[in-house]
Amino acid sequence: MDILSRLIDLARPQASLDLRCLLSGGFDIDHAPMEAGIAPFHLVLGGACLIETTGGGDVALRPGDFVLFPRGAAHRVRNVARTSATAPLTQSHDGMLPIRRNDGHVGGDGNNGNALATQAATQPDVDLLCGRFVYSPGSSALLLNALPDPFHVSLGGTQTLGPLQTVIALMRAEAEHRQPGALAIVTALSHALFAMALRVYGEQNASTSGVLTLLADARLGASVQSMLSAPERAWTIAELGDLAAMSRATYARHFNERAGMTVMDFLTQIRMTIACDLLLRTQRSAAEIGEMVGYQSEAAFGKAFQQSIGETPGRYRRRPQEDDVAQG
């Protein structure tokens, strides 16, 4: 399994689609902050809009743009001109997803032939698909915490993004025609879109530091793959440098420049990410899991886990069940 696929597998994000927005004229839609482990996203199927963040920044979205809030930050979706809302929002259902509009049209169940004709006639200023990824904070930390918030990938007409454009075009076609199985297809494509957006971001931002930039560096790939494949090994920087065909000093410097962290800090994050995954998905003891990720004693593992994750391995393992009880 390649490195990015492995990190996505560990993060185990579950995609769900919330609604589709067909908006015209002035609109200003507030999105409250989400709880930990929920990352809302927006995909522009057509038209344009603005995302205003709590930090005061703006993200201009065009057709095919994807924006994700990895840490669930509050934000607003506005029309490009930032004019006041021209009509109240209404919500209906098109047979696949809830539809939010502000043009006064109230849709039916999506089964009559007039629904698509009415939608085409109104020609909304923006056609926005909104959803979320739900993930386990600990096992996703290495990937999700490394992303900027917001995480924005723009098609921008770049030829290398042809496959991404194809995925988005297919999502739009399925959303418009709403044939049997459309929701399952669009949800599955959301996973593909996420993986492709991660890959493209790393390629487009090669001059910056971060995990995605690190993964795009072919020279460092073998060493990163080895750390992921054998986290229990007592790796040295010299050994990892040999895998990258670099001297110890050159490897350490190059890795730090690409990853934005030291080699050993990255190795610790890999170990904690895998440990979190094993705590949630297996019944192995903390001592066994600690040994599997490179710690010779349960006490050493527990101390490292507490420092990295902020709670004990046992508490982390119990949290999902406790959250289910609380929600029930």
C-alpha atoms as a PDB file:
ATOM      1  CA  MET A   1       0.000   0.000   0.000  1.00  0.00           C
ATOM      2  CA  ASP A   2       1.419   3.404  -0.919  1.00  0.00           C
ATOM      3  CA  ILE A   3       2.076   5.963   1.802  1.00  0.00           C
ATOM      4  CA  LEU A   4      -0.887   8.276   1.185  1.00  0.00           C
ATOM      5  CA  SER A   5      -3.290   5.339   0.926  1.00  0.00           C
ATOM      6  CA  ARG A   6      -1.961   3.980   4.220  1.00  0.00           C
ATOM      7  CA  LEU A   7      -2.426   7.323   5.982  1.00  0.00           C
ATOM      8  CA  ILE A   8      -5.980   7.612   4.640  1.00  0.00           C
ATOM      9  CA  ASP A   9      -6.649   4.047   5.766  1.00  0.00           C
ATOM     10  CA  LEU A  10      -5.428   4.917   9.270  1.00  0.00           C
ATOM     11  CA  ALA A  11      -7.494   8.124   9.365  1.00  0.00           C
ATOM     12  CA  ARG A  12     -10.514   6.129   8.209  1.00  0.00           C
ATOM     13  CA  PRO A  13     -12.617   9.156   7.226  1.00  0.00           C
ATOM     14  CA  GLN A  14     -16.295   8.343   6.683  1.00  0.00           C
ATOM     15  CA  ALA A  15     -17.917  10.575   4.076  1.00  0.00           C
ATOM     16  CA  SER A  16     -21.519  11.665   4.261  1.00  0.00           C
ATOM     17  CA  LEU A  17     -23.392  14.181   2.133  1.00  0.00           C
ATOM     18  CA  ASP A  18     -25.604  16.696   3.916  1.00  0.00           C
ATOM     19  CA  LEU A  19     -27.285  18.725   1.183  1.00  0.00           C
ATOM     20  CA  ARG A  20     -27.020  20.482  -2.146  1.00  0.00           C
ATOM     21  CA  CYS A  21     -27.294  24.274  -2.324  1.00  0.00           C
ATOM     22  CA  LEU A  22     -28.735  25.987  -5.418  1.00  0.00           C
ATOM     23  CA  LEU A  23     -28.341  29.687  -4.679  1.00  0.00           C
ATOM     24  CA  SER A  24     -28.824  32.909  -6.608  1.00  0.00           C
ATOM     25  CA  GLY A  25     -28.514  36.621  -5.894  1.00  0.00           C
ATOM     26  CA  GLY A  26     -27.516  37.556  -2.365  1.00  0.00           C
ATOM     27  CA  PHE A  27     -26.953  34.847   0.257  1.00  0.00           C
ATOM     28  CA  ASP A  28     -25.089  34.592   3.534  1.00  0.00           C
ATOM     29  CA  ILE A  29     -25.119  31.154   5.159  1.00  0.00           C
ATOM     30  CA  ASP A  30     -23.463  30.677   8.540  1.00  0.00           C
ATOM     31  CA  HIS A  31     -21.809  27.366   9.463  1.00  0.00           C
ATOM     32  CA  ALA A  32     -21.218  26.867  13.172  1.00  0.00           C
ATOM     33  CA  PRO A  33     -18.040  25.127  14.391  1.00  0.00           C
ATOM     34  CA  MET A  34     -18.198  21.338  14.418  1.00  0.00           C
ATOM     35  CA  GLU A  35     -17.174  19.043  17.238  1.00  0.00           C
ATOM     36  CA  ALA A  36     -13.817  17.244  17.141  1.00  0.00           C
ATOM     37  CA  GLY A  37     -13.654  14.521  14.527  1.00  0.00           C
ATOM     38  CA  ILE A  38     -16.005  16.181  12.027  1.00  0.00           C
ATOM     39  CA  ALA A  39     -14.588  17.964   8.974  1.00  0.00           C
ATOM     40  CA  PRO A  40     -17.203  19.709   6.801  1.00  0.00           C
ATOM     41  CA  PHE A  41     -16.497  20.205   3.106  1.00  0.00           C
ATOM     42  CA  HIS A  42     -17.946  22.025   0.108  1.00  0.00           C
ATOM     43  CA  LEU A  43     -17.581  21.144  -3.559  1.00  0.00           C
ATOM     44  CA  VAL A  44     -18.586  23.670  -6.233  1.00  0.00           C
ATOM     45  CA  LEU A  45     -20.409  21.841  -9.005  1.00  0.00           C
ATOM     46  CA  GLY A  46     -21.118  25.074 -10.855  1.00  0.00           C
ATOM     47  CA  GLY A  47     -20.944  28.865 -10.459  1.00  0.00           C
ATOM     48  CA  ALA A  48     -18.942  30.739  -7.844  1.00  0.00           C
ATOM     49  CA  CYS A  49     -19.118  31.853  -4.214  1.00  0.00           C
ATOM     50  CA  LEU A  50     -16.972  33.013  -1.305  1.00  0.00           C
ATOM     51  CA  ILE A  51     -16.041  31.305   1.940  1.00  0.00           C
ATOM     52  CA  GLU A  52     -15.395  33.703   4.816  1.00  0.00           C
ATOM     53  CA  THR A  53     -13.357  32.198   7.656  1.00  0.00           C
ATOM     54  CA  THR A  54     -13.297  33.177  11.318  1.00  0.00           C
ATOM     55  CA  GLY A  55      -9.721  34.338  10.861  1.00  0.00           C
ATOM     56  CA  GLY A  56     -10.887  37.027   8.458  1.00  0.00           C
ATOM     57  CA  GLY A  57      -9.617  35.348   5.320  1.00  0.00           C
ATOM     58  CA  ASP A  58     -11.625  34.746   2.169  1.00  0.00           C
ATOM     59  CA  VAL A  59     -11.548  31.716  -0.102  1.00  0.00           C
ATOM     60  CA  ALA A  60     -12.946  32.313  -3.587  1.00  0.00           C
ATOM     61  CA  LEU A  61     -14.502  29.163  -5.011  1.00  0.00           C
ATOM     62  CA  ARG A  62     -15.025  28.427  -8.690  1.00  0.00           C
ATOM     63  CA  PRO A  63     -16.405  25.366 -10.529  1.00  0.00           C
ATOM     64  CA  GLY A  64     -14.607  22.242  -9.374  1.00  0.00           C
ATOM     65  CA  ASP A  65     -13.130  23.810  -6.232  1.00  0.00           C
ATOM     66  CA  PHE A  66     -12.999  21.712  -3.080  1.00  0.00           C
ATOM     67  CA  VAL A  67     -12.646  23.176   0.405  1.00  0.00           C
ATOM     68  CA  LEU A  68     -12.405  21.173   3.628  1.00  0.00           C
ATOM     69  CA  PHE A  69     -12.277  22.349   7.250  1.00  0.00           C
ATOM     70  CA  PRO A  70     -10.186  19.578   8.892  1.00  0.00           C
ATOM     71  CA  ARG A  71     -10.767  20.895  12.398  1.00  0.00           C
ATOM     72  CA  GLY A  72     -14.378  21.882  11.854  1.00  0.00           C
ATOM     73  CA  ALA A  73     -13.843  25.647  11.935  1.00  0.00           C
ATOM     74  CA  ALA A  74     -16.816  27.995  11.695  1.00  0.00           C
ATOM     75  CA  HIS A  75     -17.263  29.752   8.347  1.00  0.00           C
ATOM     76  CA  ARG A  76     -19.768  31.545   6.127  1.00  0.00           C
ATOM     77  CA  VAL A  77     -20.795  30.886   2.528  1.00  0.00           C
ATOM     78  CA  ARG A  78     -21.561  34.126   0.677  1.00  0.00           C
ATOM     79  CA  ASN A  79     -22.264  35.337  -2.810  1.00  0.00           C
ATOM     80  CA  VAL A  80     -19.301  36.850  -4.612  1.00  0.00           C
ATOM     81  CA  ALA A  81     -20.596  40.437  -4.398  1.00  0.00           C
ATOM     82  CA  ARG A  82     -21.359  40.067  -0.666  1.00  0.00           C
ATOM     83  CA  THR A  83     -24.784  41.618  -1.115  1.00  0.00           C
ATOM     84  CA  SER A  84     -27.487  41.145   1.479  1.00  0.00           C
ATOM     85  CA  ALA A  85     -29.691  38.097   1.301  1.00  0.00           C
ATOM     86  CA  THR A  86     -32.347  38.630  -1.350  1.00  0.00           C
ATOM     87  CA  ALA A  87     -34.740  35.862  -0.346  1.00  0.00           C
ATOM     88  CA  PRO A  88     -35.252  33.453   2.535  1.00  0.00           C
ATOM     89  CA  LEU A  89     -33.757  29.992   2.330  1.00  0.00           C
ATOM     90  CA  THR A  90     -36.097  27.091   1.667  1.00  0.00           C
ATOM     91  CA  GLN A  91     -35.377  23.391   1.854  1.00  0.00           C
ATOM     92  CA  SER A  92     -36.899  20.482  -0.035  1.00  0.00           C
ATOM     93  CA  HIS A  93     -35.709  17.116  -1.290  1.00  0.00           C
ATOM     94  CA  ASP A  94     -34.842  16.039  -4.821  1.00  0.00           C
ATOM     95  CA  GLY A  95     -34.988  12.289  -4.247  1.00  0.00           C
ATOM     96  CA  MET A  96     -31.272  12.059  -3.450  1.00  0.00           C
ATOM     97  CA  LEU A  97     -30.382  14.902  -1.083  1.00  0.00           C
ATOM     98  CA  PRO A  98     -32.020  17.793   0.727  1.00  0.00           C
ATOM     99  CA  ILE A  99     -31.962  20.878  -1.515  1.00  0.00           C
ATOM    100  CA  ARG A 100     -31.431  24.372  -0.106  1.00  0.00           C
ATOM    101  CA  ARG A 101     -32.529  27.252  -2.327  1.00  0.00           C
ATOM    102  CA  ASN A 102     -33.203  30.974  -2.090  1.00  0.00           C
ATOM    103  CA  ASP A 103     -35.118  31.527  -5.324  1.00  0.00           C
ATOM    104  CA  GLY A 104     -38.557  30.782  -3.940  1.00  0.00           C
ATOM    105  CA  HIS A 105     -38.784  27.453  -5.744  1.00  0.00           C
ATOM    106  CA  VAL A 106     -40.069  24.562  -3.682  1.00  0.00           C
ATOM    107  CA  GLY A 107     -39.007  21.250  -5.202  1.00  0.00           C
ATOM    108  CA  GLY A 108     -40.817  17.961  -5.064  1.00  0.00           C
ATOM    109  CA  ASP A 109     -39.450  14.500  -4.544  1.00  0.00           C
ATOM    110  CA  GLY A 110     -37.391  14.565  -7.713  1.00  0.00           C
ATOM    111  CA  ASN A 111     -39.517  11.975  -9.494  1.00  0.00           C
ATOM    112  CA  ASN A 112     -41.303  14.244 -11.965  1.00  0.00           C
ATOM    113  CA  GLY A 113     -39.782  15.546 -15.162  1.00  0.00           C
ATOM    114  CA  ASN A 114     -40.342  19.199 -14.256  1.00  0.00           C
ATOM    115  CA  ALA A 115     -37.790  19.235 -11.452  1.00  0.00           C
ATOM    116  CA  LEU A 116     -34.731  19.263 -13.689  1.00  0.00           C
ATOM    117  CA  ALA A 117     -36.327  21.675 -16.130  1.00  0.00           C
ATOM    118  CA  THR A 118     -37.131  24.120 -13.342  1.00  0.00           C
ATOM    119  CA  GLN A 119     -33.615  23.783 -11.948  1.00  0.00           C
ATOM    120  CA  ALA A 120     -32.075  24.443 -15.364  1.00  0.00           C
ATOM    121  CA  ALA A 121     -34.332  27.429 -15.973  1.00  0.00           C
ATOM    122  CA  THR A 122     -33.380  29.153 -12.742  1.00  0.00           C
ATOM    123  CA  GLN A 123     -29.628  28.817 -13.474  1.00  0.00           C
ATOM    124  CA  PRO A 124     -28.395  29.340  -9.903  1.00  0.00           C
ATOM    125  CA  ASP A 125     -25.305  31.457  -9.335  1.00  0.00           C
ATOM    126  CA  VAL A 126     -23.761  28.579  -7.416  1.00  0.00           C
ATOM    127  CA  ASP A 127     -24.408  24.846  -7.257  1.00  0.00           C
ATOM    128  CA  LEU A 128     -22.752  23.617  -4.068  1.00  0.00           C
ATOM    129  CA  LEU A 129     -22.480  20.090  -2.715  1.00  0.00           C
ATOM    130  CA  CYS A 130     -22.023  20.092   1.071  1.00  0.00           C
ATOM    131  CA  GLY A 131     -20.966  17.199   3.264  1.00  0.00           C
ATOM    132  CA  ARG A 132     -18.632  16.066   5.992  1.00  0.00           C
ATOM    133  CA  PHE A 133     -15.937  13.548   6.826  1.00  0.00           C
ATOM    134  CA  VAL A 134     -16.135  11.917  10.252  1.00  0.00           C
ATOM    135  CA  TYR A 135     -12.887  10.516  11.620  1.00  0.00           C
ATOM    136  CA  SER A 136     -11.210   9.341  14.823  1.00  0.00           C
ATOM    137  CA  PRO A 137      -9.031  12.237  16.059  1.00  0.00           C
ATOM    138  CA  GLY A 138      -6.110  10.111  17.244  1.00  0.00           C
ATOM    139  CA  SER A 139      -5.591   7.776  14.287  1.00  0.00           C
ATOM    140  CA  SER A 140      -6.120  10.609  11.813  1.00  0.00           C
ATOM    141  CA  ALA A 141      -3.789  13.102  13.473  1.00  0.00           C
ATOM    142  CA  LEU A 142      -0.789  12.553  11.224  1.00  0.00           C
ATOM    143  CA  LEU A 143      -2.842  13.297   8.110  1.00  0.00           C
ATOM    144  CA  LEU A 144      -5.705  15.607   9.148  1.00  0.00           C
ATOM    145  CA  ASN A 145      -3.795  17.757  11.629  1.00  0.00           C
ATOM    146  CA  ALA A 146      -1.171  18.474   8.987  1.00  0.00           C
ATOM    147  CA  LEU A 147      -3.701  20.089   6.653  1.00  0.00           C
ATOM    148  CA  PRO A 148      -4.266  23.835   6.545  1.00  0.00           C
ATOM    149  CA  ASP A 149      -7.654  24.991   7.796  1.00  0.00           C
ATOM    150  CA  PRO A 150      -9.291  25.602   5.391  1.00  0.00           C
ATOM    151  CA  PHE A 151      -7.815  23.045   3.005  1.00  0.00           C
ATOM    152  CA  HIS A 152      -8.543  24.348  -0.493  1.00  0.00           C
ATOM    153  CA  VAL A 153      -7.780  22.702  -3.810  1.00  0.00           C
ATOM    154  CA  SER A 154      -8.651  24.579  -6.967  1.00  0.00           C
ATOM    155  CA  LEU A 155      -8.848  23.056 -10.419  1.00  0.00           C
ATOM    156  CA  GLY A 156      -7.660  26.312 -11.955  1.00  0.00           C
ATOM    157  CA  GLY A 157      -7.582  24.759 -15.419  1.00  0.00           C
ATOM    158  CA  THR A 158      -4.376  22.869 -14.675  1.00  0.00           C
ATOM    159  CA  GLN A 159      -4.008  19.992 -17.122  1.00  0.00           C
ATOM    160  CA  THR A 160      -2.607  17.644 -14.490  1.00  0.00           C
ATOM    161  CA  LEU A 161      -5.947  17.778 -12.696  1.00  0.00           C
ATOM    162  CA  GLY A 162      -7.846  16.018 -15.471  1.00  0.00           C
ATOM    163  CA  PRO A 163      -8.763  12.985 -13.322  1.00  0.00           C
ATOM    164  CA  LEU A 164     -10.039  15.302 -10.574  1.00  0.00           C
ATOM    165  CA  GLN A 165     -12.184  17.136 -13.108  1.00  0.00           C
ATOM    166  CA  THR A 166     -13.559  13.798 -14.276  1.00  0.00           C
ATOM    167  CA  VAL A 167     -14.564  12.813 -10.735  1.00  0.00           C
ATOM    168  CA  ILE A 168     -16.300  16.150 -10.182  1.00  0.00           C
ATOM    169  CA  ALA A 169     -18.102  15.965 -13.522  1.00  0.00           C
ATOM    170  CA  LEU A 170     -19.373  12.500 -12.612  1.00  0.00           C
ATOM    171  CA  MET A 171     -20.519  13.715  -9.188  1.00  0.00           C
ATOM    172  CA  ARG A 172     -22.430  16.548 -10.820  1.00  0.00           C
ATOM    173  CA  ALA A 173     -24.057  14.226 -13.369  1.00  0.00           C
ATOM    174  CA  GLU A 174     -25.153  11.801 -10.658  1.00  0.00           C
ATOM    175  CA  ALA A 175     -26.495  14.656  -8.522  1.00  0.00           C
ATOM    176  CA  GLU A 176     -28.480  16.081 -11.423  1.00  0.00           C
ATOM    177  CA  HIS A 177     -30.003  12.877 -12.794  1.00  0.00           C
ATOM    178  CA  ARG A 178     -30.593  11.143  -9.448  1.00  0.00           C
ATOM    179  CA  GLN A 179     -30.898   7.649 -10.842  1.00  0.00           C
ATOM    180  CA  PRO A 180     -31.018   4.604  -8.550  1.00  0.00           C
ATOM    181  CA  GLY A 181     -27.803   4.331  -6.549  1.00  0.00           C
ATOM    182  CA  ALA A 182     -26.838   7.962  -7.171  1.00  0.00           C
ATOM    183  CA  LEU A 183     -26.317   8.783  -3.496  1.00  0.00           C
ATOM    184  CA  ALA A 184     -24.064   5.752  -2.959  1.00  0.00           C
ATOM    185  CA  ILE A 185     -22.028   6.701  -6.035  1.00  0.00           C
ATOM    186  CA  VAL A 186     -21.618  10.344  -5.028  1.00  0.00           C
ATOM    187  CA  THR A 187     -20.644   9.352  -1.476  1.00  0.00           C
ATOM    188  CA  ALA A 188     -18.017   6.895  -2.757  1.00  0.00           C
ATOM    189  CA  LEU A 189     -16.703   9.543  -5.144  1.00  0.00           C
ATOM    190  CA  SER A 190     -16.324  11.889  -2.168  1.00  0.00           C
ATOM    191  CA  HIS A 191     -13.675   9.511  -0.822  1.00  0.00           C
ATOM    192  CA  ALA A 192     -11.926   9.457  -4.175  1.00  0.00           C
ATOM    193  CA  LEU A 193     -12.130  13.250  -4.370  1.00  0.00           C
ATOM    194  CA  PHE A 194     -10.523  13.576  -0.936  1.00  0.00           C
ATOM    195  CA  ALA A 195      -7.601  11.308  -1.838  1.00  0.00           C
ATOM    196  CA  MET A 196      -7.027  13.079  -5.147  1.00  0.00           C
ATOM    197  CA  ALA A 197      -7.228  16.511  -3.516  1.00  0.00           C
ATOM    198  CA  LEU A 198      -4.581  15.461  -0.971  1.00  0.00           C
ATOM    199  CA  ARG A 199      -2.294  14.233  -3.730  1.00  0.00           C
ATOM    200  CA  VAL A 200      -2.742  17.356  -5.849  1.00  0.00           C
ATOM    201  CA  TYR A 201      -2.175  19.683  -2.898  1.00  0.00           C
ATOM    202  CA  GLY A 202       1.145  18.032  -2.103  1.00  0.00           C
ATOM    203  CA  GLU A 203       2.248  18.334  -5.735  1.00  0.00           C
ATOM    204  CA  GLN A 204       1.155  21.958  -6.044  1.00  0.00           C
ATOM    205  CA  ASN A 205       2.746  23.087  -2.787  1.00  0.00           C
ATOM    206  CA  ALA A 206       6.175  21.507  -3.135  1.00  0.00           C
ATOM    207  CA  SER A 207       7.851  24.688  -1.868  1.00  0.00           C
ATOM    208  CA  THR A 208       6.090  24.503   1.500  1.00  0.00           C
ATOM    209  CA  SER A 209       6.651  22.087   4.376  1.00  0.00           C
ATOM    210  CA  GLY A 210       4.185  19.516   5.686  1.00  0.00           C
ATOM    211  CA  VAL A 211       3.235  15.861   5.540  1.00  0.00           C
ATOM    212  CA  LEU A 212       1.692  16.104   2.053  1.00  0.00           C
ATOM    213  CA  THR A 213       4.798  17.828   0.711  1.00  0.00           C
ATOM    214  CA  LEU A 214       6.905  15.108   2.308  1.00  0.00           C
ATOM    215  CA  LEU A 215       4.858  12.398   0.596  1.00  0.00           C
ATOM    216  CA  ALA A 216       5.396  14.049  -2.779  1.00  0.00           C
ATOM    217  CA  ASP A 217       9.183  13.860  -2.358  1.00  0.00           C
ATOM    218  CA  ALA A 218      10.361  10.741  -4.195  1.00  0.00           C
ATOM    219  CA  ARG A 219      13.815  10.793  -2.533  1.00  0.00           C
ATOM    220  CA  LEU A 220      12.331  10.456   0.953  1.00  0.00           C
ATOM    221  CA  GLY A 221       9.576   8.012   0.027  1.00  0.00           C
ATOM    222  CA  ALA A 222      11.457   4.794   0.814  1.00  0.00           C
ATOM    223  CA  SER A 223      12.346   5.928   4.324  1.00  0.00           C
ATOM    224  CA  VAL A 224       8.802   7.056   5.096  1.00  0.00           C
ATOM    225  CA  GLN A 225       7.405   3.783   3.757  1.00  0.00           C
ATOM    226  CA  SER A 226       9.833   1.849   5.955  1.00  0.00           C
ATOM    227  CA  MET A 227       8.792   3.756   9.086  1.00  0.00           C
ATOM    228  CA  LEU A 228       5.138   3.037   8.322  1.00  0.00           C
ATOM    229  CA  SER A 229       5.784  -0.626   7.557  1.00  0.00           C
ATOM    230  CA  ALA A 230       8.007  -1.325  10.577  1.00  0.00           C
ATOM    231  CA  PRO A 231       7.211   1.189  13.357  1.00  0.00           C
ATOM    232  CA  GLU A 232       8.512  -1.281  15.955  1.00  0.00           C
ATOM    233  CA  ARG A 233      12.064  -1.054  14.644  1.00  0.00           C
ATOM    234  CA  ALA A 234      14.576   1.110  16.524  1.00  0.00           C
ATOM    235  CA  TRP A 235      15.262   3.274  13.506  1.00  0.00           C
ATOM    236  CA  THR A 236      18.273   5.557  13.414  1.00  0.00           C
ATOM    237  CA  ILE A 237      18.610   8.612  11.216  1.00  0.00           C
ATOM    238  CA  ALA A 238      21.656   7.018   9.593  1.00  0.00           C
ATOM    239  CA  GLU A 239      19.657   3.899   8.611  1.00  0.00           C
ATOM    240  CA  LEU A 240      16.820   5.986   7.193  1.00  0.00           C
ATOM    241  CA  GLY A 241      19.323   8.176   5.373  1.00  0.00           C
ATOM    242  CA  ASP A 242      20.785   5.094   3.715  1.00  0.00           C
ATOM    243  CA  LEU A 243      17.314   4.213   2.391  1.00  0.00           C
ATOM    244  CA  ALA A 244      17.125   7.681   0.840  1.00  0.00           C
ATOM    245  CA  ALA A 245      20.697   7.422  -0.488  1.00  0.00           C
ATOM    246  CA  MET A 246      21.739  10.435   1.596  1.00  0.00           C
ATOM    247  CA  SER A 247      24.235  11.076   4.338  1.00  0.00           C
ATOM    248  CA  ARG A 248      22.850  11.293   7.860  1.00  0.00           C
ATOM    249  CA  ALA A 249      23.162  15.094   8.010  1.00  0.00           C
ATOM    250  CA  THR A 250      21.770  15.685   4.515  1.00  0.00           C
ATOM    251  CA  TYR A 251      18.833  13.365   5.151  1.00  0.00           C
ATOM    252  CA  ALA A 252      17.968  14.995   8.492  1.00  0.00           C
ATOM    253  CA  ARG A 253      18.103  18.475   6.968  1.00  0.00           C
ATOM    254  CA  HIS A 254      16.134  17.568   3.852  1.00  0.00           C
ATOM    255  CA  PHE A 255      13.510  15.694   5.874  1.00  0.00           C
ATOM    256  CA  ASN A 256      13.032  18.605   8.270  1.00  0.00           C
ATOM    257  CA  GLU A 257      12.643  21.033   5.366  1.00  0.00           C
ATOM    258  CA  ARG A 258      10.007  18.863   3.714  1.00  0.00           C
ATOM    259  CA  ALA A 259       8.072  17.628   6.738  1.00  0.00           C
ATOM    260  CA  GLY A 260       8.308  20.690   8.958  1.00  0.00           C
ATOM    261  CA  MET A 261       9.424  18.437  11.810  1.00  0.00           C
ATOM    262  CA  THR A 262      12.392  16.269  12.736  1.00  0.00           C
ATOM    263  CA  VAL A 263      12.706  12.658  11.623  1.00  0.00           C
ATOM    264  CA  MET A 264      12.225  11.351  15.158  1.00  0.00           C
ATOM    265  CA  ASP A 265       9.173  13.534  15.767  1.00  0.00           C
ATOM    266  CA  PHE A 266       7.665  12.161  12.557  1.00  0.00           C
ATOM    267  CA  LEU A 267       8.455   8.598  13.613  1.00  0.00           C
ATOM    268  CA  THR A 268       6.747   9.218  16.956  1.00  0.00           C
ATOM    269  CA  GLN A 269       3.653  10.532  15.156  1.00  0.00           C
ATOM    270  CA  ILE A 270       3.577   7.441  12.955  1.00  0.00           C
ATOM    271  CA  ARG A 271       3.820   5.204  16.012  1.00  0.00           C
ATOM    272  CA  MET A 272       1.027   7.046  17.839  1.00  0.00           C
ATOM    273  CA  THR A 273      -1.208   7.055  14.751  1.00  0.00           C
ATOM    274  CA  ILE A 274      -0.831   3.291  14.329  1.00  0.00           C
ATOM    275  CA  ALA A 275      -1.290   2.737  18.077  1.00  0.00           C
ATOM    276  CA  CYS A 276      -4.557   4.696  18.039  1.00  0.00           C
ATOM    277  CA  ASP A 277      -5.792   2.611  15.129  1.00  0.00           C
ATOM    278  CA  LEU A 278      -4.925  -0.641  16.918  1.00  0.00           C
ATOM    279  CA  LEU A 279      -6.570   0.503  20.150  1.00  0.00           C
ATOM    280  CA  LEU A 280      -9.832   1.159  18.330  1.00  0.00           C
ATOM    281  CA  ARG A 281      -9.826  -1.789  15.943  1.00  0.00           C
ATOM    282  CA  THR A 282      -8.342  -4.653  17.984  1.00  0.00           C
ATOM    283  CA  GLN A 283      -8.605  -6.183  21.432  1.00  0.00           C
ATOM    284  CA  ARG A 284      -4.839  -6.312  21.947  1.00  0.00           C
ATOM    285  CA  SER A 285      -3.556  -5.070  25.280  1.00  0.00           C
ATOM    286  CA  ALA A 286      -1.793  -1.735  25.620  1.00  0.00           C
ATOM    287  CA  ALA A 287       1.462  -3.604  26.314  1.00  0.00           C
ATOM    288  CA  GLU A 288       1.133  -5.607  23.081  1.00  0.00           C
ATOM    289  CA  ILE A 289       0.304  -2.514  21.050  1.00  0.00           C
ATOM    290  CA  GLY A 290       3.176  -0.608  22.613  1.00  0.00           C
ATOM    291  CA  GLU A 291       5.577  -3.348  21.595  1.00  0.00           C
ATOM    292  CA  MET A 292       4.155  -3.376  18.067  1.00  0.00           C
ATOM    293  CA  VAL A 293       4.986   0.303  17.651  1.00  0.00           C
ATOM    294  CA  GLY A 294       8.459   0.252  19.171  1.00  0.00           C
ATOM    295  CA  TYR A 295       8.137   0.560  22.961  1.00  0.00           C
ATOM    296  CA  GLN A 296       9.741  -2.033  25.193  1.00  0.00           C
ATOM    297  CA  SER A 297       7.455  -1.513  28.174  1.00  0.00           C
ATOM    298  CA  GLU A 298       3.832  -0.609  28.759  1.00  0.00           C
ATOM    299  CA  ALA A 299       4.932   2.261  30.991  1.00  0.00           C
ATOM    300  CA  ALA A 300       7.128   3.789  28.268  1.00  0.00           C
ATOM    301  CA  PHE A 301       4.322   3.440  25.748  1.00  0.00           C
ATOM    302  CA  GLY A 302       1.742   4.933  28.105  1.00  0.00           C
ATOM    303  CA  LYS A 303       3.943   7.935  28.838  1.00  0.00           C
ATOM    304  CA  ALA A 304       4.626   8.605  25.137  1.00  0.00           C
ATOM    305  CA  PHE A 305       0.940   8.147  24.293  1.00  0.00           C
ATOM    306  CA  GLN A 306      -0.165  10.546  27.031  1.00  0.00           C
ATOM    307  CA  GLN A 307       2.295  13.185  25.850  1.00  0.00           C
ATOM    308  CA  SER A 308       1.243  12.847  22.208  1.00  0.00           C
ATOM    309  CA  ILE A 309      -2.519  12.233  22.387  1.00  0.00           C
ATOM    310  CA  GLY A 310      -3.330  13.907  25.696  1.00  0.00           C
ATOM    311  CA  GLU A 311      -4.890  10.910  27.430  1.00  0.00           C
ATOM    312  CA  THR A 312      -3.991   7.354  28.403  1.00  0.00           C
ATOM    313  CA  PRO A 313      -4.350   4.449  25.951  1.00  0.00           C
ATOM    314  CA  GLY A 314      -7.171   3.002  28.053  1.00  0.00           C
ATOM    315  CA  ARG A 315      -9.081   6.267  28.106  1.00  0.00           C
ATOM    316  CA  TYR A 316      -8.644   6.667  24.350  1.00  0.00           C
ATOM    317  CA  ARG A 317      -9.976   3.134  23.756  1.00  0.00           C
ATOM    318  CA  ARG A 318     -13.048   3.725  25.943  1.00  0.00           C
ATOM    319  CA  ARG A 319     -13.941   7.122  24.494  1.00  0.00           C
ATOM    320  CA  PRO A 320     -16.011   5.925  21.465  1.00  0.00           C
ATOM    321  CA  GLN A 321     -18.231   3.789  23.696  1.00  0.00           C
ATOM    322  CA  GLU A 322     -18.602   6.622  26.206  1.00  0.00           C
ATOM    323  CA  ASP A 323     -19.522   9.046  23.410  1.00  0.00           C
ATOM    324  CA  ASP A 324     -22.150   6.583  22.109  1.00  0.00           C
ATOM    325  CA  VAL A 325     -23.694   6.313  25.569  1.00  0.00           C
ATOM    326  CA  ALA A 326     -23.721  10.091  25.973  1.00  0.00           C
ATOM    327  CA  GLN A 327     -25.397  10.580  22.596  1.00  0.00           C
ATOM    328  CA  GLY A 328     -27.921   7.855  23.308  1.00  0.00           C
END
